[in-house]
Structures are given as C-alpha cells and as structure tokens.
PDB file of all heavy atoms in Angstrom:
ATOM      1  N   ILE A   1     -41.459  16.444  11.542  1.00  0.00           N
ATOM      2  CA  ILE A   1     -42.440  15.332  11.558  1.00  0.00           C
ATOM      3  C   ILE A   1     -42.512  14.890  10.071  1.00  0.00           C
ATOM      4  O   ILE A   1     -42.818  15.653   9.237  1.00  0.00           O
ATOM      5  CB  ILE A   1     -43.797  15.757  12.070  1.00  0.00           C
ATOM      6  CG1 ILE A   1     -43.691  16.281  13.506  1.00  0.00           C
ATOM      7  CG2 ILE A   1     -44.783  14.617  11.944  1.00  0.00           C
ATOM      8  CD1 ILE A   1     -44.914  16.966  13.948  1.00  0.00           C
ATOM      9  N   GLY A   2     -42.261  13.585   9.791  1.00  0.00           N
ATOM     10  CA  GLY A   2     -42.264  13.041   8.490  1.00  0.00           C
ATOM     11  C   GLY A   2     -43.522  12.292   8.237  1.00  0.00           C
ATOM     12  O   GLY A   2     -44.425  12.192   9.038  1.00  0.00           O
ATOM     13  N   ALA A   3     -43.617  11.752   7.024  1.00  0.00           N
ATOM     14  CA  ALA A   3     -44.821  11.043   6.579  1.00  0.00           C
ATOM     15  C   ALA A   3     -45.105   9.811   7.501  1.00  0.00           C
ATOM     16  O   ALA A   3     -46.245   9.571   7.825  1.00  0.00           O
ATOM     17  CB  ALA A   3     -44.613  10.565   5.135  1.00  0.00           C
ATOM     18  N   LYS A   4     -44.057   9.127   7.963  1.00  0.00           N
ATOM     19  CA  LYS A   4     -44.225   7.982   8.806  1.00  0.00           C
ATOM     20  C   LYS A   4     -44.985   8.374  10.158  1.00  0.00           C
ATOM     21  O   LYS A   4     -45.924   7.749  10.515  1.00  0.00           O
ATOM     22  CB  LYS A   4     -42.915   7.290   9.120  1.00  0.00           C
ATOM     23  CG  LYS A   4     -43.032   6.050   9.965  1.00  0.00           C
ATOM     24  CD  LYS A   4     -41.657   5.423  10.162  1.00  0.00           C
ATOM     25  CE  LYS A   4     -41.753   4.139  10.971  1.00  0.00           C
ATOM     26  NZ  LYS A   4     -41.779   4.376  12.450  1.00  0.00           N
ATOM     27  N   GLN A   5     -44.538   9.474  10.690  1.00  0.00           N
ATOM     28  CA  GLN A   5     -45.112   9.876  11.940  1.00  0.00           C
ATOM     29  C   GLN A   5     -46.550  10.408  11.725  1.00  0.00           C
ATOM     30  O   GLN A   5     -47.437  10.130  12.531  1.00  0.00           O
ATOM     31  CB  GLN A   5     -44.313  11.049  12.599  1.00  0.00           C
ATOM     32  CG  GLN A   5     -43.006  10.543  13.179  1.00  0.00           C
ATOM     33  CD  GLN A   5     -41.895  10.704  12.087  1.00  0.00           C
ATOM     34  OE1 GLN A   5     -42.059  10.979  10.919  1.00  0.00           O
ATOM     35  NE2 GLN A   5     -40.618  10.597  12.581  1.00  0.00           N
ATOM     36  N   VAL A   6     -46.777  11.087  10.599  1.00  0.00           N
ATOM     37  CA  VAL A   6     -48.122  11.595  10.324  1.00  0.00           C
ATOM     38  C   VAL A   6     -49.029  10.390  10.077  1.00  0.00           C
ATOM     39  O   VAL A   6     -50.161  10.356  10.607  1.00  0.00           O
ATOM     40  CB  VAL A   6     -48.134  12.528   9.046  1.00  0.00           C
ATOM     41  CG1 VAL A   6     -49.530  12.796   8.600  1.00  0.00           C
ATOM     42  CG2 VAL A   6     -47.392  13.819   9.369  1.00  0.00           C
ATOM     43  N   TYR A   7     -48.601   9.407   9.374  1.00  0.00           N
ATOM     44  CA  TYR A   7     -49.389   8.219   9.093  1.00  0.00           C
ATOM     45  C   TYR A   7     -49.751   7.515  10.355  1.00  0.00           C
ATOM     46  O   TYR A   7     -50.892   7.172  10.619  1.00  0.00           O
ATOM     47  CB  TYR A   7     -48.592   7.257   8.167  1.00  0.00           C
ATOM     48  CG  TYR A   7     -49.340   5.976   7.968  1.00  0.00           C
ATOM     49  CD1 TYR A   7     -50.341   5.838   6.991  1.00  0.00           C
ATOM     50  CD2 TYR A   7     -49.000   4.790   8.696  1.00  0.00           C
ATOM     51  CE1 TYR A   7     -51.046   4.755   6.757  1.00  0.00           C
ATOM     52  CE2 TYR A   7     -49.692   3.624   8.405  1.00  0.00           C
ATOM     53  CZ  TYR A   7     -50.699   3.645   7.497  1.00  0.00           C
ATOM     54  OH  TYR A   7     -51.395   2.461   7.283  1.00  0.00           O
ATOM     55  N   GLU A   8     -48.750   7.331  11.287  1.00  0.00           N
ATOM     56  CA  GLU A   8     -49.038   6.652  12.546  1.00  0.00           C
ATOM     57  C   GLU A   8     -49.988   7.500  13.436  1.00  0.00           C
ATOM     58  O   GLU A   8     -50.909   6.982  14.048  1.00  0.00           O
ATOM     59  CB  GLU A   8     -47.705   6.486  13.319  1.00  0.00           C
ATOM     60  CG  GLU A   8     -46.867   5.399  12.711  1.00  0.00           C
ATOM     61  CD  GLU A   8     -45.504   5.315  13.322  1.00  0.00           C
ATOM     62  OE1 GLU A   8     -45.161   6.108  14.201  1.00  0.00           O
ATOM     63  OE2 GLU A   8     -44.672   4.410  12.950  1.00  0.00           O
ATOM     64  N   LEU A   9     -49.783   8.821  13.427  1.00  0.00           N
ATOM     65  CA  LEU A   9     -50.665   9.657  14.190  1.00  0.00           C
ATOM     66  C   LEU A   9     -52.128   9.579  13.763  1.00  0.00           C
ATOM     67  O   LEU A   9     -53.037   9.455  14.548  1.00  0.00           O
ATOM     68  CB  LEU A   9     -50.178  11.099  14.054  1.00  0.00           C
ATOM     69  CG  LEU A   9     -50.878  12.149  14.916  1.00  0.00           C
ATOM     70  CD1 LEU A   9     -50.746  11.901  16.385  1.00  0.00           C
ATOM     71  CD2 LEU A   9     -50.362  13.545  14.546  1.00  0.00           C
ATOM     72  N   ILE A  10     -52.320   9.617  12.414  1.00  0.00           N
ATOM     73  CA  ILE A  10     -53.728   9.600  11.904  1.00  0.00           C
ATOM     74  C   ILE A  10     -54.339   8.216  11.962  1.00  0.00           C
ATOM     75  O   ILE A  10     -55.458   8.016  12.389  1.00  0.00           O
ATOM     76  CB  ILE A  10     -53.780  10.124  10.502  1.00  0.00           C
ATOM     77  CG1 ILE A  10     -53.416  11.599  10.425  1.00  0.00           C
ATOM     78  CG2 ILE A  10     -55.132   9.870   9.850  1.00  0.00           C
ATOM     79  CD1 ILE A  10     -53.319  12.151   9.023  1.00  0.00           C
ATOM     80  N   PHE A  11     -53.582   7.198  11.560  1.00  0.00           N
ATOM     81  CA  PHE A  11     -54.231   5.861  11.411  1.00  0.00           C
ATOM     82  C   PHE A  11     -54.137   4.933  12.624  1.00  0.00           C
ATOM     83  O   PHE A  11     -54.856   4.002  12.687  1.00  0.00           O
ATOM     84  CB  PHE A  11     -53.673   5.163  10.175  1.00  0.00           C
ATOM     85  CG  PHE A  11     -53.962   5.962   8.937  1.00  0.00           C
ATOM     86  CD1 PHE A  11     -52.951   6.648   8.225  1.00  0.00           C
ATOM     87  CD2 PHE A  11     -55.215   6.057   8.435  1.00  0.00           C
ATOM     88  CE1 PHE A  11     -53.265   7.422   7.135  1.00  0.00           C
ATOM     89  CE2 PHE A  11     -55.538   6.803   7.356  1.00  0.00           C
ATOM     90  CZ  PHE A  11     -54.557   7.453   6.646  1.00  0.00           C
ATOM     91  N   ASN A  12     -53.318   5.261  13.591  1.00  0.00           N
ATOM     92  CA  ASN A  12     -53.345   4.452  14.831  1.00  0.00           C
ATOM     93  C   ASN A  12     -54.507   4.801  15.619  1.00  0.00           C
ATOM     94  O   ASN A  12     -55.080   3.922  16.320  1.00  0.00           O
ATOM     95  CB  ASN A  12     -52.039   4.607  15.588  1.00  0.00           C
ATOM     96  CG  ASN A  12     -50.876   3.803  14.987  1.00  0.00           C
ATOM     97  OD1 ASN A  12     -51.086   3.018  14.137  1.00  0.00           O
ATOM     98  ND2 ASN A  12     -49.687   4.187  15.451  1.00  0.00           N
ATOM     99  N   ASP A  13     -54.936   5.988  15.709  1.00  0.00           N
ATOM    100  CA  ASP A  13     -56.165   6.401  16.469  1.00  0.00           C
ATOM    101  C   ASP A  13     -56.832   7.496  15.778  1.00  0.00           C
ATOM    102  O   ASP A  13     -56.817   8.640  16.237  1.00  0.00           O
ATOM    103  CB  ASP A  13     -55.676   6.738  17.873  1.00  0.00           C
ATOM    104  CG  ASP A  13     -56.839   6.786  18.880  1.00  0.00           C
ATOM    105  OD1 ASP A  13     -58.006   6.588  18.374  1.00  0.00           O
ATOM    106  OD2 ASP A  13     -56.618   6.975  20.059  1.00  0.00           O
ATOM    107  N   PRO A  14     -57.463   7.179  14.655  1.00  0.00           N
ATOM    108  CA  PRO A  14     -58.055   8.291  13.816  1.00  0.00           C
ATOM    109  C   PRO A  14     -59.129   9.094  14.567  1.00  0.00           C
ATOM    110  O   PRO A  14     -59.280  10.295  14.315  1.00  0.00           O
ATOM    111  CB  PRO A  14     -58.666   7.535  12.583  1.00  0.00           C
ATOM    112  CG  PRO A  14     -58.849   6.088  13.105  1.00  0.00           C
ATOM    113  CD  PRO A  14     -57.680   5.898  14.057  1.00  0.00           C
ATOM    114  N   ASP A  15     -59.943   8.466  15.422  1.00  0.00           N
ATOM    115  CA  ASP A  15     -60.975   9.254  16.104  1.00  0.00           C
ATOM    116  C   ASP A  15     -60.392  10.213  17.039  1.00  0.00           C
ATOM    117  O   ASP A  15     -61.009  11.181  17.397  1.00  0.00           O
ATOM    118  CB  ASP A  15     -61.901   8.265  16.858  1.00  0.00           C
ATOM    119  CG  ASP A  15     -62.711   7.352  15.911  1.00  0.00           C
ATOM    120  OD1 ASP A  15     -62.914   7.803  14.742  1.00  0.00           O
ATOM    121  OD2 ASP A  15     -63.006   6.250  16.300  1.00  0.00           O
ATOM    122  N   GLU A  16     -59.138   9.981  17.496  1.00  0.00           N
ATOM    123  CA  GLU A  16     -58.474  10.828  18.458  1.00  0.00           C
ATOM    124  C   GLU A  16     -57.987  12.096  17.691  1.00  0.00           C
ATOM    125  O   GLU A  16     -57.887  13.162  18.230  1.00  0.00           O
ATOM    126  CB  GLU A  16     -57.322  10.115  19.135  1.00  0.00           C
ATOM    127  CG  GLU A  16     -56.580  10.920  20.169  1.00  0.00           C
ATOM    128  CD  GLU A  16     -57.351  11.106  21.454  1.00  0.00           C
ATOM    129  OE1 GLU A  16     -58.370  10.406  21.673  1.00  0.00           O
ATOM    130  OE2 GLU A  16     -56.975  11.981  22.208  1.00  0.00           O
ATOM    131  N   VAL A  17     -57.570  11.932  16.420  1.00  0.00           N
ATOM    132  CA  VAL A  17     -56.915  12.958  15.693  1.00  0.00           C
ATOM    133  C   VAL A  17     -57.885  13.741  14.894  1.00  0.00           C
ATOM    134  O   VAL A  17     -58.022  15.002  14.925  1.00  0.00           O
ATOM    135  CB  VAL A  17     -55.827  12.375  14.791  1.00  0.00           C
ATOM    136  CG1 VAL A  17     -55.188  13.511  13.939  1.00  0.00           C
ATOM    137  CG2 VAL A  17     -54.793  11.638  15.628  1.00  0.00           C
ATOM    138  N   LEU A  18     -58.650  13.119  13.978  1.00  0.00           N
ATOM    139  CA  LEU A  18     -59.556  13.807  13.094  1.00  0.00           C
ATOM    140  C   LEU A  18     -61.010  13.519  13.412  1.00  0.00           C
ATOM    141  O   LEU A  18     -61.364  12.375  13.648  1.00  0.00           O
ATOM    142  CB  LEU A  18     -59.263  13.333  11.651  1.00  0.00           C
ATOM    143  CG  LEU A  18     -57.871  13.711  11.087  1.00  0.00           C
ATOM    144  CD1 LEU A  18     -57.784  12.995   9.719  1.00  0.00           C
ATOM    145  CD2 LEU A  18     -57.711  15.213  11.000  1.00  0.00           C
ATOM    146  N   GLN A  19     -61.827  14.537  13.400  1.00  0.00           N
ATOM    147  CA  GLN A  19     -63.231  14.388  13.621  1.00  0.00           C
ATOM    148  C   GLN A  19     -64.021  14.513  12.360  1.00  0.00           C
ATOM    149  O   GLN A  19     -65.108  15.012  12.347  1.00  0.00           O
ATOM    150  CB  GLN A  19     -63.651  15.381  14.686  1.00  0.00           C
ATOM    151  CG  GLN A  19     -62.994  15.155  15.998  1.00  0.00           C
ATOM    152  CD  GLN A  19     -62.908  16.409  16.861  1.00  0.00           C
ATOM    153  OE1 GLN A  19     -63.326  17.486  16.519  1.00  0.00           O
ATOM    154  NE2 GLN A  19     -62.308  16.221  18.010  1.00  0.00           N
ATOM    155  N   ASP A  20     -63.434  14.010  11.288  1.00  0.00           N
ATOM    156  CA  ASP A  20     -64.120  13.949   9.985  1.00  0.00           C
ATOM    157  C   ASP A  20     -64.317  12.505   9.625  1.00  0.00           C
ATOM    158  O   ASP A  20     -63.632  11.598  10.146  1.00  0.00           O
ATOM    159  CB  ASP A  20     -63.252  14.584   8.941  1.00  0.00           C
ATOM    160  CG  ASP A  20     -62.964  16.052   9.177  1.00  0.00           C
ATOM    161  OD1 ASP A  20     -63.881  16.826   9.510  1.00  0.00           O
ATOM    162  OD2 ASP A  20     -61.808  16.476   9.048  1.00  0.00           O
ATOM    163  N   ASP A  21     -65.225  12.263   8.717  1.00  0.00           N
ATOM    164  CA  ASP A  21     -65.372  10.825   8.259  1.00  0.00           C
ATOM    165  C   ASP A  21     -64.297  10.562   7.140  1.00  0.00           C
ATOM    166  O   ASP A  21     -63.741  11.451   6.585  1.00  0.00           O
ATOM    167  CB  ASP A  21     -66.792  10.507   7.840  1.00  0.00           C
ATOM    168  CG  ASP A  21     -67.193  11.241   6.535  1.00  0.00           C
ATOM    169  OD1 ASP A  21     -66.368  11.288   5.626  1.00  0.00           O
ATOM    170  OD2 ASP A  21     -68.339  11.698   6.448  1.00  0.00           O
ATOM    171  N   TRP A  22     -64.072   9.270   7.082  1.00  0.00           N
ATOM    172  CA  TRP A  22     -62.926   8.806   6.145  1.00  0.00           C
ATOM    173  C   TRP A  22     -63.149   9.202   4.722  1.00  0.00           C
ATOM    174  O   TRP A  22     -62.190   9.499   3.979  1.00  0.00           O
ATOM    175  CB  TRP A  22     -62.712   7.308   6.294  1.00  0.00           C
ATOM    176  CG  TRP A  22     -61.948   7.024   7.565  1.00  0.00           C
ATOM    177  CD1 TRP A  22     -62.468   6.474   8.667  1.00  0.00           C
ATOM    178  CD2 TRP A  22     -60.592   7.363   7.884  1.00  0.00           C
ATOM    179  NE1 TRP A  22     -61.488   6.431   9.649  1.00  0.00           N
ATOM    180  CE2 TRP A  22     -60.346   6.956   9.228  1.00  0.00           C
ATOM    181  CE3 TRP A  22     -59.588   8.020   7.170  1.00  0.00           C
ATOM    182  CZ2 TRP A  22     -59.114   7.128   9.822  1.00  0.00           C
ATOM    183  CZ3 TRP A  22     -58.335   8.202   7.768  1.00  0.00           C
ATOM    184  CH2 TRP A  22     -58.145   7.789   9.070  1.00  0.00           C
ATOM    185  N   GLU A  23     -64.415   9.133   4.208  1.00  0.00           N
ATOM    186  CA  GLU A  23     -64.618   9.502   2.879  1.00  0.00           C
ATOM    187  C   GLU A  23     -64.270  10.935   2.550  1.00  0.00           C
ATOM    188  O   GLU A  23     -63.593  11.203   1.552  1.00  0.00           O
ATOM    189  CB  GLU A  23     -66.114   9.193   2.496  1.00  0.00           C
ATOM    190  CG  GLU A  23     -66.419   9.363   1.015  1.00  0.00           C
ATOM    191  CD  GLU A  23     -67.857   8.948   0.696  1.00  0.00           C
ATOM    192  OE1 GLU A  23     -68.304   7.956   1.260  1.00  0.00           O
ATOM    193  OE2 GLU A  23     -68.447   9.636  -0.095  1.00  0.00           O
ATOM    194  N   GLU A  24     -64.663  11.831   3.440  1.00  0.00           N
ATOM    195  CA  GLU A  24     -64.248  13.204   3.318  1.00  0.00           C
ATOM    196  C   GLU A  24     -62.743  13.428   3.400  1.00  0.00           C
ATOM    197  O   GLU A  24     -62.149  14.172   2.673  1.00  0.00           O
ATOM    198  CB  GLU A  24     -64.953  14.126   4.391  1.00  0.00           C
ATOM    199  CG  GLU A  24     -66.395  14.404   4.199  1.00  0.00           C
ATOM    200  CD  GLU A  24     -66.975  15.281   5.228  1.00  0.00           C
ATOM    201  OE1 GLU A  24     -66.198  16.128   5.764  1.00  0.00           O
ATOM    202  OE2 GLU A  24     -68.149  15.047   5.627  1.00  0.00           O
ATOM    203  N   PHE A  25     -62.152  12.696   4.319  1.00  0.00           N
ATOM    204  CA  PHE A  25     -60.715  12.743   4.525  1.00  0.00           C
ATOM    205  C   PHE A  25     -59.962  12.289   3.166  1.00  0.00           C
ATOM    206  O   PHE A  25     -59.108  12.981   2.722  1.00  0.00           O
ATOM    207  CB  PHE A  25     -60.283  11.846   5.671  1.00  0.00           C
ATOM    208  CG  PHE A  25     -58.760  11.980   5.958  1.00  0.00           C
ATOM    209  CD1 PHE A  25     -58.210  13.076   6.469  1.00  0.00           C
ATOM    210  CD2 PHE A  25     -57.962  10.936   5.634  1.00  0.00           C
ATOM    211  CE1 PHE A  25     -56.840  13.198   6.732  1.00  0.00           C
ATOM    212  CE2 PHE A  25     -56.589  10.935   5.846  1.00  0.00           C
ATOM    213  CZ  PHE A  25     -56.018  12.115   6.410  1.00  0.00           C
ATOM    214  N   ASP A  26     -60.464  11.171   2.651  1.00  0.00           N
ATOM    215  CA  ASP A  26     -59.819  10.705   1.306  1.00  0.00           C
ATOM    216  C   ASP A  26     -60.033  11.737   0.260  1.00  0.00           C
ATOM    217  O   ASP A  26     -59.085  11.975  -0.557  1.00  0.00           O
ATOM    218  CB  ASP A  26     -60.425   9.336   0.979  1.00  0.00           C
ATOM    219  CG  ASP A  26     -59.978   8.190   1.893  1.00  0.00           C
ATOM    220  OD1 ASP A  26     -58.979   8.378   2.611  1.00  0.00           O
ATOM    221  OD2 ASP A  26     -60.618   7.175   1.929  1.00  0.00           O
ATOM    222  N   ASP A  27     -61.151  12.283   0.153  1.00  0.00           N
ATOM    223  CA  ASP A  27     -61.495  13.308  -0.886  1.00  0.00           C
ATOM    224  C   ASP A  27     -60.528  14.498  -0.631  1.00  0.00           C
ATOM    225  O   ASP A  27     -59.999  15.064  -1.594  1.00  0.00           O
ATOM    226  CB  ASP A  27     -62.928  13.792  -0.823  1.00  0.00           C
ATOM    227  CG  ASP A  27     -63.899  12.778  -1.305  1.00  0.00           C
ATOM    228  OD1 ASP A  27     -63.489  11.701  -1.865  1.00  0.00           O
ATOM    229  OD2 ASP A  27     -65.109  12.880  -0.968  1.00  0.00           O
ATOM    230  N   GLU A  28     -60.352  14.896   0.571  1.00  0.00           N
ATOM    231  CA  GLU A  28     -59.511  16.015   0.913  1.00  0.00           C
ATOM    232  C   GLU A  28     -58.005  15.743   0.599  1.00  0.00           C
ATOM    233  O   GLU A  28     -57.371  16.561   0.059  1.00  0.00           O
ATOM    234  CB  GLU A  28     -59.664  16.406   2.400  1.00  0.00           C
ATOM    235  CG  GLU A  28     -58.921  17.659   2.740  1.00  0.00           C
ATOM    236  CD  GLU A  28     -59.578  18.950   2.192  1.00  0.00           C
ATOM    237  OE1 GLU A  28     -60.778  18.904   1.869  1.00  0.00           O
ATOM    238  OE2 GLU A  28     -58.876  19.916   2.096  1.00  0.00           O
ATOM    239  N   LEU A  29     -57.611  14.500   0.865  1.00  0.00           N
ATOM    240  CA  LEU A  29     -56.275  14.113   0.522  1.00  0.00           C
ATOM    241  C   LEU A  29     -55.992  14.247  -0.992  1.00  0.00           C
ATOM    242  O   LEU A  29     -54.980  14.770  -1.368  1.00  0.00           O
ATOM    243  CB  LEU A  29     -55.959  12.633   0.947  1.00  0.00           C
ATOM    244  CG  LEU A  29     -55.602  12.375   2.415  1.00  0.00           C
ATOM    245  CD1 LEU A  29     -55.399  10.895   2.639  1.00  0.00           C
ATOM    246  CD2 LEU A  29     -54.360  13.136   2.821  1.00  0.00           C
ATOM    247  N   TYR A  30     -56.911  13.716  -1.769  1.00  0.00           N
ATOM    248  CA  TYR A  30     -56.773  13.750  -3.160  1.00  0.00           C
ATOM    249  C   TYR A  30     -56.831  15.227  -3.748  1.00  0.00           C
ATOM    250  O   TYR A  30     -56.092  15.616  -4.615  1.00  0.00           O
ATOM    251  CB  TYR A  30     -57.710  12.855  -3.962  1.00  0.00           C
ATOM    252  CG  TYR A  30     -57.205  11.457  -4.001  1.00  0.00           C
ATOM    253  CD1 TYR A  30     -57.684  10.493  -3.124  1.00  0.00           C
ATOM    254  CD2 TYR A  30     -56.208  11.087  -4.857  1.00  0.00           C
ATOM    255  CE1 TYR A  30     -57.170   9.142  -3.134  1.00  0.00           C
ATOM    256  CE2 TYR A  30     -55.650   9.812  -4.919  1.00  0.00           C
ATOM    257  CZ  TYR A  30     -56.138   8.894  -4.032  1.00  0.00           C
ATOM    258  OH  TYR A  30     -55.645   7.593  -4.053  1.00  0.00           O
ATOM    259  N   ALA A  31     -57.720  16.022  -3.164  1.00  0.00           N
ATOM    260  CA  ALA A  31     -57.790  17.414  -3.579  1.00  0.00           C
ATOM    261  C   ALA A  31     -56.476  18.133  -3.230  1.00  0.00           C
ATOM    262  O   ALA A  31     -55.975  18.909  -4.065  1.00  0.00           O
ATOM    263  CB  ALA A  31     -58.968  18.086  -2.882  1.00  0.00           C
ATOM    264  N   GLU A  32     -55.965  17.873  -2.036  1.00  0.00           N
ATOM    265  CA  GLU A  32     -54.669  18.499  -1.622  1.00  0.00           C
ATOM    266  C   GLU A  32     -53.592  18.001  -2.622  1.00  0.00           C
ATOM    267  O   GLU A  32     -52.727  18.852  -3.105  1.00  0.00           O
ATOM    268  CB  GLU A  32     -54.343  18.107  -0.238  1.00  0.00           C
ATOM    269  CG  GLU A  32     -52.987  18.606   0.278  1.00  0.00           C
ATOM    270  CD  GLU A  32     -53.008  20.087   0.583  1.00  0.00           C
ATOM    271  OE1 GLU A  32     -54.088  20.693   0.620  1.00  0.00           O
ATOM    272  OE2 GLU A  32     -51.861  20.580   0.865  1.00  0.00           O
ATOM    273  N   LEU A  33     -53.513  16.760  -2.899  1.00  0.00           N
ATOM    274  CA  LEU A  33     -52.483  16.248  -3.787  1.00  0.00           C
ATOM    275  C   LEU A  33     -52.588  16.852  -5.169  1.00  0.00           C
ATOM    276  O   LEU A  33     -51.582  17.273  -5.717  1.00  0.00           O
ATOM    277  CB  LEU A  33     -52.646  14.723  -3.908  1.00  0.00           C
ATOM    278  CG  LEU A  33     -51.634  13.960  -4.796  1.00  0.00           C
ATOM    279  CD1 LEU A  33     -50.222  14.167  -4.280  1.00  0.00           C
ATOM    280  CD2 LEU A  33     -51.984  12.484  -4.838  1.00  0.00           C
ATOM    281  N   GLU A  34     -53.798  16.992  -5.661  1.00  0.00           N
ATOM    282  CA  GLU A  34     -54.002  17.603  -7.016  1.00  0.00           C
ATOM    283  C   GLU A  34     -53.638  19.048  -7.017  1.00  0.00           C
ATOM    284  O   GLU A  34     -52.927  19.511  -7.934  1.00  0.00           O
ATOM    285  CB  GLU A  34     -55.474  17.449  -7.390  1.00  0.00           C
ATOM    286  CG  GLU A  34     -55.772  17.870  -8.845  1.00  0.00           C
ATOM    287  CD  GLU A  34     -57.201  17.579  -9.238  1.00  0.00           C
ATOM    288  OE1 GLU A  34     -57.692  16.504  -8.939  1.00  0.00           O
ATOM    289  OE2 GLU A  34     -57.862  18.567  -9.665  1.00  0.00           O
TER     290      GLU A  34
END
C-alpha cells in the first residue's frame, strides 16, 4: 500500500477511517515525521 492509497483511504472518508480530530491528526503526522 503506497502513499496514494493511504491518502485516498484517509481523506476520501476520514470519519470512516480515523476517529480522531484533524488537529490531533496533523500534530501526530508532524511528530511522526520529525
């Protein structure tokens, strides 16, 4: 599964995939990246 599929999975129906709010998700993305 590549970045394109992950992106589509999360952003096409975010409520279906993640039960977190977007601000927390963005913070977590940046923390993971760092």
